[in-house]
């Protein structure tokens, strides 16, 4: 098993499997996995072992999301990060989760300015989304409409 996320083959869309020892780590890995998997184009970043590595992540945004259940919270959180990315031309490659439960998350997204992505995400979907615990590890498959 991979520690944070992995790309899962999908016929038409982008699918990642995300893991986390805690709910906060799971949400962190979901947002990082989303942006890493779509290939942000940033001048001060390089690719190491298939991941974009940036010396600095100077851009940051505070986000707070409330939803009625955990699945909706994840979709809404990732959708908010995607929205901020589109508005500010940024990719978020790290985050600090300050407060989280099954209906609320408060975090700081950290990233870099970009010129685009290799793959464009249209939306975060609920398709086959089921957040579960497997051997005390949070896990879910997330499908993105591309």
C-alpha atoms as a PDB file:
ATOM      1  CA  UNK A   1       0.000   0.000   0.000  1.00  0.00           C
ATOM      2  CA  UNK A   2       1.139   3.526  -0.796  1.00  0.00           C
ATOM      3  CA  UNK A   3       1.325   5.896   2.183  1.00  0.00           C
ATOM      4  CA  UNK A   4      -0.617   8.854   0.770  1.00  0.00           C
ATOM      5  CA  UNK A   5      -2.307   8.334  -2.614  1.00  0.00           C
ATOM      6  CA  UNK A   6      -2.071   6.461  -5.889  1.00  0.00           C
ATOM      7  CA  UNK A   7      -3.593   6.897  -9.334  1.00  0.00           C
ATOM      8  CA  UNK A   8      -6.037   4.120 -10.217  1.00  0.00           C
ATOM      9  CA  UNK A   9      -6.730   3.269 -13.897  1.00  0.00           C
ATOM     10  CA  UNK A  10     -10.095   4.581 -15.125  1.00  0.00           C
ATOM     11  CA  UNK A  11     -11.612   4.456 -18.596  1.00  0.00           C
ATOM     12  CA  UNK A  12     -12.686   8.083 -19.024  1.00  0.00           C
ATOM     13  CA  UNK A  13     -11.958  10.109 -15.908  1.00  0.00           C
ATOM     14  CA  UNK A  14      -9.189  10.481 -13.326  1.00  0.00           C
ATOM     15  CA  UNK A  15      -9.361   8.269 -10.242  1.00  0.00           C
ATOM     16  CA  UNK A  16      -7.120   8.306  -7.192  1.00  0.00           C
ATOM     17  CA  UNK A  17      -7.081   6.173  -4.070  1.00  0.00           C
ATOM     18  CA  UNK A  18      -6.277   8.180  -0.954  1.00  0.00           C
ATOM     19  CA  UNK A  19      -5.051   6.943   2.428  1.00  0.00           C
ATOM     20  CA  UNK A  20      -4.509   8.499   5.841  1.00  0.00           C
ATOM     21  CA  UNK A  21      -3.784   7.354   9.386  1.00  0.00           C
ATOM     22  CA  UNK A  22      -5.966  10.177  10.714  1.00  0.00           C
ATOM     23  CA  UNK A  23      -8.872  12.043   9.184  1.00  0.00           C
ATOM     24  CA  UNK A  24      -6.679  15.167   8.922  1.00  0.00           C
ATOM     25  CA  UNK A  25      -3.936  13.234   7.119  1.00  0.00           C
ATOM     26  CA  UNK A  26      -6.553  11.686   4.820  1.00  0.00           C
ATOM     27  CA  UNK A  27      -7.878  15.141   3.794  1.00  0.00           C
ATOM     28  CA  UNK A  28      -4.323  16.445   3.337  1.00  0.00           C
ATOM     29  CA  UNK A  29      -3.444  13.496   1.104  1.00  0.00           C
ATOM     30  CA  UNK A  30      -6.666  13.950  -0.885  1.00  0.00           C
ATOM     31  CA  UNK A  31      -5.938  17.570  -1.791  1.00  0.00           C
ATOM     32  CA  UNK A  32      -2.253  16.907  -2.490  1.00  0.00           C
ATOM     33  CA  UNK A  33      -3.140  13.802  -4.513  1.00  0.00           C
ATOM     34  CA  UNK A  34      -5.668  15.748  -6.578  1.00  0.00           C
ATOM     35  CA  UNK A  35      -3.135  18.404  -7.556  1.00  0.00           C
ATOM     36  CA  UNK A  36      -0.154  16.072  -7.985  1.00  0.00           C
ATOM     37  CA  UNK A  37      -2.154  13.786 -10.294  1.00  0.00           C
ATOM     38  CA  UNK A  38      -3.098  16.562 -12.746  1.00  0.00           C
ATOM     39  CA  UNK A  39       0.438  17.819 -13.334  1.00  0.00           C
ATOM     40  CA  UNK A  40       0.679  21.494 -12.405  1.00  0.00           C
ATOM     41  CA  UNK A  41       3.047  23.519 -14.590  1.00  0.00           C
ATOM     42  CA  UNK A  42       5.148  25.686 -12.284  1.00  0.00           C
ATOM     43  CA  UNK A  43       8.499  27.234 -13.197  1.00  0.00           C
ATOM     44  CA  UNK A  44      10.186  26.800  -9.808  1.00  0.00           C
ATOM     45  CA  UNK A  45       9.239  23.148  -9.393  1.00  0.00           C
ATOM     46  CA  UNK A  46      10.881  19.946 -10.556  1.00  0.00           C
ATOM     47  CA  UNK A  47       9.676  16.383 -10.880  1.00  0.00           C
ATOM     48  CA  UNK A  48      11.158  13.761  -8.558  1.00  0.00           C
ATOM     49  CA  UNK A  49       9.796  10.208  -8.478  1.00  0.00           C
ATOM     50  CA  UNK A  50       6.745  11.320 -10.464  1.00  0.00           C
ATOM     51  CA  UNK A  51       5.842  14.141  -8.036  1.00  0.00           C
ATOM     52  CA  UNK A  52       6.174  17.898  -8.368  1.00  0.00           C
ATOM     53  CA  UNK A  53       8.552  19.228  -5.753  1.00  0.00           C
ATOM     54  CA  UNK A  54       8.758  22.971  -5.149  1.00  0.00           C
ATOM     55  CA  UNK A  55      11.412  24.716  -3.049  1.00  0.00           C
ATOM     56  CA  UNK A  56       8.800  27.074  -1.654  1.00  0.00           C
ATOM     57  CA  UNK A  57       5.010  27.185  -1.454  1.00  0.00           C
ATOM     58  CA  UNK A  58       4.449  30.941  -1.074  1.00  0.00           C
ATOM     59  CA  UNK A  59       0.730  31.072  -1.911  1.00  0.00           C
ATOM     60  CA  UNK A  60      -1.719  30.250   0.870  1.00  0.00           C
ATOM     61  CA  UNK A  61      -5.456  30.392   1.493  1.00  0.00           C
ATOM     62  CA  UNK A  62      -7.504  29.712   4.596  1.00  0.00           C
ATOM     63  CA  UNK A  63     -10.540  27.525   3.910  1.00  0.00           C
ATOM     64  CA  UNK A  64     -13.403  26.428   6.083  1.00  0.00           C
ATOM     65  CA  UNK A  65     -15.989  23.981   4.793  1.00  0.00           C
ATOM     66  CA  UNK A  66     -19.096  22.592   6.472  1.00  0.00           C
ATOM     67  CA  UNK A  67     -21.212  19.764   5.078  1.00  0.00           C
ATOM     68  CA  UNK A  68     -23.866  17.337   6.246  1.00  0.00           C
ATOM     69  CA  UNK A  69     -21.721  14.174   6.104  1.00  0.00           C
ATOM     70  CA  UNK A  70     -18.141  13.023   5.560  1.00  0.00           C
ATOM     71  CA  UNK A  71     -18.464  12.189   1.838  1.00  0.00           C
ATOM     72  CA  UNK A  72     -19.957  15.613   1.131  1.00  0.00           C
ATOM     73  CA  UNK A  73     -17.290  17.278   3.251  1.00  0.00           C
ATOM     74  CA  UNK A  74     -14.517  15.687   1.185  1.00  0.00           C
ATOM     75  CA  UNK A  75     -16.138  16.608  -2.146  1.00  0.00           C
ATOM     76  CA  UNK A  76     -16.854  20.160  -0.957  1.00  0.00           C
ATOM     77  CA  UNK A  77     -13.310  20.603   0.418  1.00  0.00           C
ATOM     78  CA  UNK A  78     -11.674  19.406  -2.808  1.00  0.00           C
ATOM     79  CA  UNK A  79     -14.112  21.489  -4.872  1.00  0.00           C
ATOM     80  CA  UNK A  80     -13.188  24.592  -2.857  1.00  0.00           C
ATOM     81  CA  UNK A  81      -9.475  23.928  -3.453  1.00  0.00           C
ATOM     82  CA  UNK A  82     -10.155  23.442  -7.164  1.00  0.00           C
ATOM     83  CA  UNK A  83     -12.160  26.703  -7.270  1.00  0.00           C
ATOM     84  CA  UNK A  84      -9.347  28.644  -5.552  1.00  0.00           C
ATOM     85  CA  UNK A  85      -6.853  27.082  -7.951  1.00  0.00           C
ATOM     86  CA  UNK A  86      -8.884  28.265 -10.950  1.00  0.00           C
ATOM     87  CA  UNK A  87      -9.391  31.792  -9.573  1.00  0.00           C
ATOM     88  CA  UNK A  88      -5.767  32.362  -8.538  1.00  0.00           C
ATOM     89  CA  UNK A  89      -3.877  30.188 -11.089  1.00  0.00           C
ATOM     90  CA  UNK A  90      -2.317  28.149  -8.300  1.00  0.00           C
ATOM     91  CA  UNK A  91      -1.719  24.518  -7.387  1.00  0.00           C
ATOM     92  CA  UNK A  92      -1.845  23.427  -3.739  1.00  0.00           C
ATOM     93  CA  UNK A  93       0.826  20.871  -2.930  1.00  0.00           C
ATOM     94  CA  UNK A  94       0.555  20.991   0.847  1.00  0.00           C
ATOM     95  CA  UNK A  95      -1.954  21.940   3.525  1.00  0.00           C
ATOM     96  CA  UNK A  96      -2.333  22.199   7.255  1.00  0.00           C
ATOM     97  CA  UNK A  97      -5.595  20.843   8.625  1.00  0.00           C
ATOM     98  CA  UNK A  98      -6.353  22.775  11.823  1.00  0.00           C
ATOM     99  CA  UNK A  99      -9.758  21.456  12.761  1.00  0.00           C
ATOM    100  CA  UNK A 100     -11.684  18.519  11.372  1.00  0.00           C
ATOM    101  CA  UNK A 101     -14.594  16.263  12.171  1.00  0.00           C
ATOM    102  CA  UNK A 102     -17.114  14.438   9.987  1.00  0.00           C
ATOM    103  CA  UNK A 103     -19.002  17.658   9.110  1.00  0.00           C
ATOM    104  CA  UNK A 104     -16.382  20.435   9.263  1.00  0.00           C
ATOM    105  CA  UNK A 105     -12.837  21.131   8.114  1.00  0.00           C
ATOM    106  CA  UNK A 106     -10.658  24.188   8.572  1.00  0.00           C
ATOM    107  CA  UNK A 107      -7.324  24.307   6.758  1.00  0.00           C
ATOM    108  CA  UNK A 108      -4.615  26.387   5.137  1.00  0.00           C
ATOM    109  CA  UNK A 109      -3.815  25.406   1.560  1.00  0.00           C
ATOM    110  CA  UNK A 110      -0.219  26.078   0.438  1.00  0.00           C
ATOM    111  CA  UNK A 111       0.893  26.233  -3.161  1.00  0.00           C
ATOM    112  CA  UNK A 112       2.556  27.922  -6.098  1.00  0.00           C
ATOM    113  CA  UNK A 113       1.554  30.014  -9.091  1.00  0.00           C
ATOM    114  CA  UNK A 114       1.096  27.922 -12.221  1.00  0.00           C
ATOM    115  CA  UNK A 115       0.680  28.385 -15.963  1.00  0.00           C
ATOM    116  CA  UNK A 116      -1.709  25.437 -16.288  1.00  0.00           C
ATOM    117  CA  UNK A 117      -2.140  21.706 -15.752  1.00  0.00           C
ATOM    118  CA  UNK A 118      -1.417  18.649 -17.886  1.00  0.00           C
ATOM    119  CA  UNK A 119      -4.991  17.478 -17.121  1.00  0.00           C
ATOM    120  CA  UNK A 120      -7.916  19.783 -16.372  1.00  0.00           C
ATOM    121  CA  UNK A 121     -10.440  18.703 -13.739  1.00  0.00           C
ATOM    122  CA  UNK A 122     -14.012  19.801 -14.458  1.00  0.00           C
ATOM    123  CA  UNK A 123     -15.454  18.551 -11.171  1.00  0.00           C
ATOM    124  CA  UNK A 124     -14.955  16.402  -8.103  1.00  0.00           C
ATOM    125  CA  UNK A 125     -17.607  13.670  -8.233  1.00  0.00           C
ATOM    126  CA  UNK A 126     -19.518  11.430  -5.838  1.00  0.00           C
ATOM    127  CA  UNK A 127     -19.169   8.508  -8.265  1.00  0.00           C
ATOM    128  CA  UNK A 128     -18.266   5.368  -6.250  1.00  0.00           C
ATOM    129  CA  UNK A 129     -17.162   7.559  -3.326  1.00  0.00           C
ATOM    130  CA  UNK A 130     -17.118   5.662  -0.062  1.00  0.00           C
ATOM    131  CA  UNK A 131     -14.823   6.763   2.726  1.00  0.00           C
ATOM    132  CA  UNK A 132     -14.010   3.786   4.932  1.00  0.00           C
ATOM    133  CA  UNK A 133     -11.597   2.513   7.541  1.00  0.00           C
ATOM    134  CA  UNK A 134      -9.428  -0.432   6.476  1.00  0.00           C
ATOM    135  CA  UNK A 135      -7.160  -1.754   9.234  1.00  0.00           C
ATOM    136  CA  UNK A 136      -7.308   1.626  11.031  1.00  0.00           C
ATOM    137  CA  UNK A 137      -6.444   3.519   7.828  1.00  0.00           C
ATOM    138  CA  UNK A 138      -8.872   5.994   6.256  1.00  0.00           C
ATOM    139  CA  UNK A 139      -9.298   5.176   2.566  1.00  0.00           C
ATOM    140  CA  UNK A 140     -11.395   6.245  -0.426  1.00  0.00           C
ATOM    141  CA  UNK A 141     -11.406   6.194  -4.193  1.00  0.00           C
ATOM    142  CA  UNK A 142     -12.124   9.641  -5.643  1.00  0.00           C
ATOM    143  CA  UNK A 143     -13.199  10.150  -9.247  1.00  0.00           C
ATOM    144  CA  UNK A 144     -12.654  13.488 -10.985  1.00  0.00           C
ATOM    145  CA  UNK A 145     -14.518  14.479 -14.137  1.00  0.00           C
ATOM    146  CA  UNK A 146     -11.863  15.549 -16.655  1.00  0.00           C
END
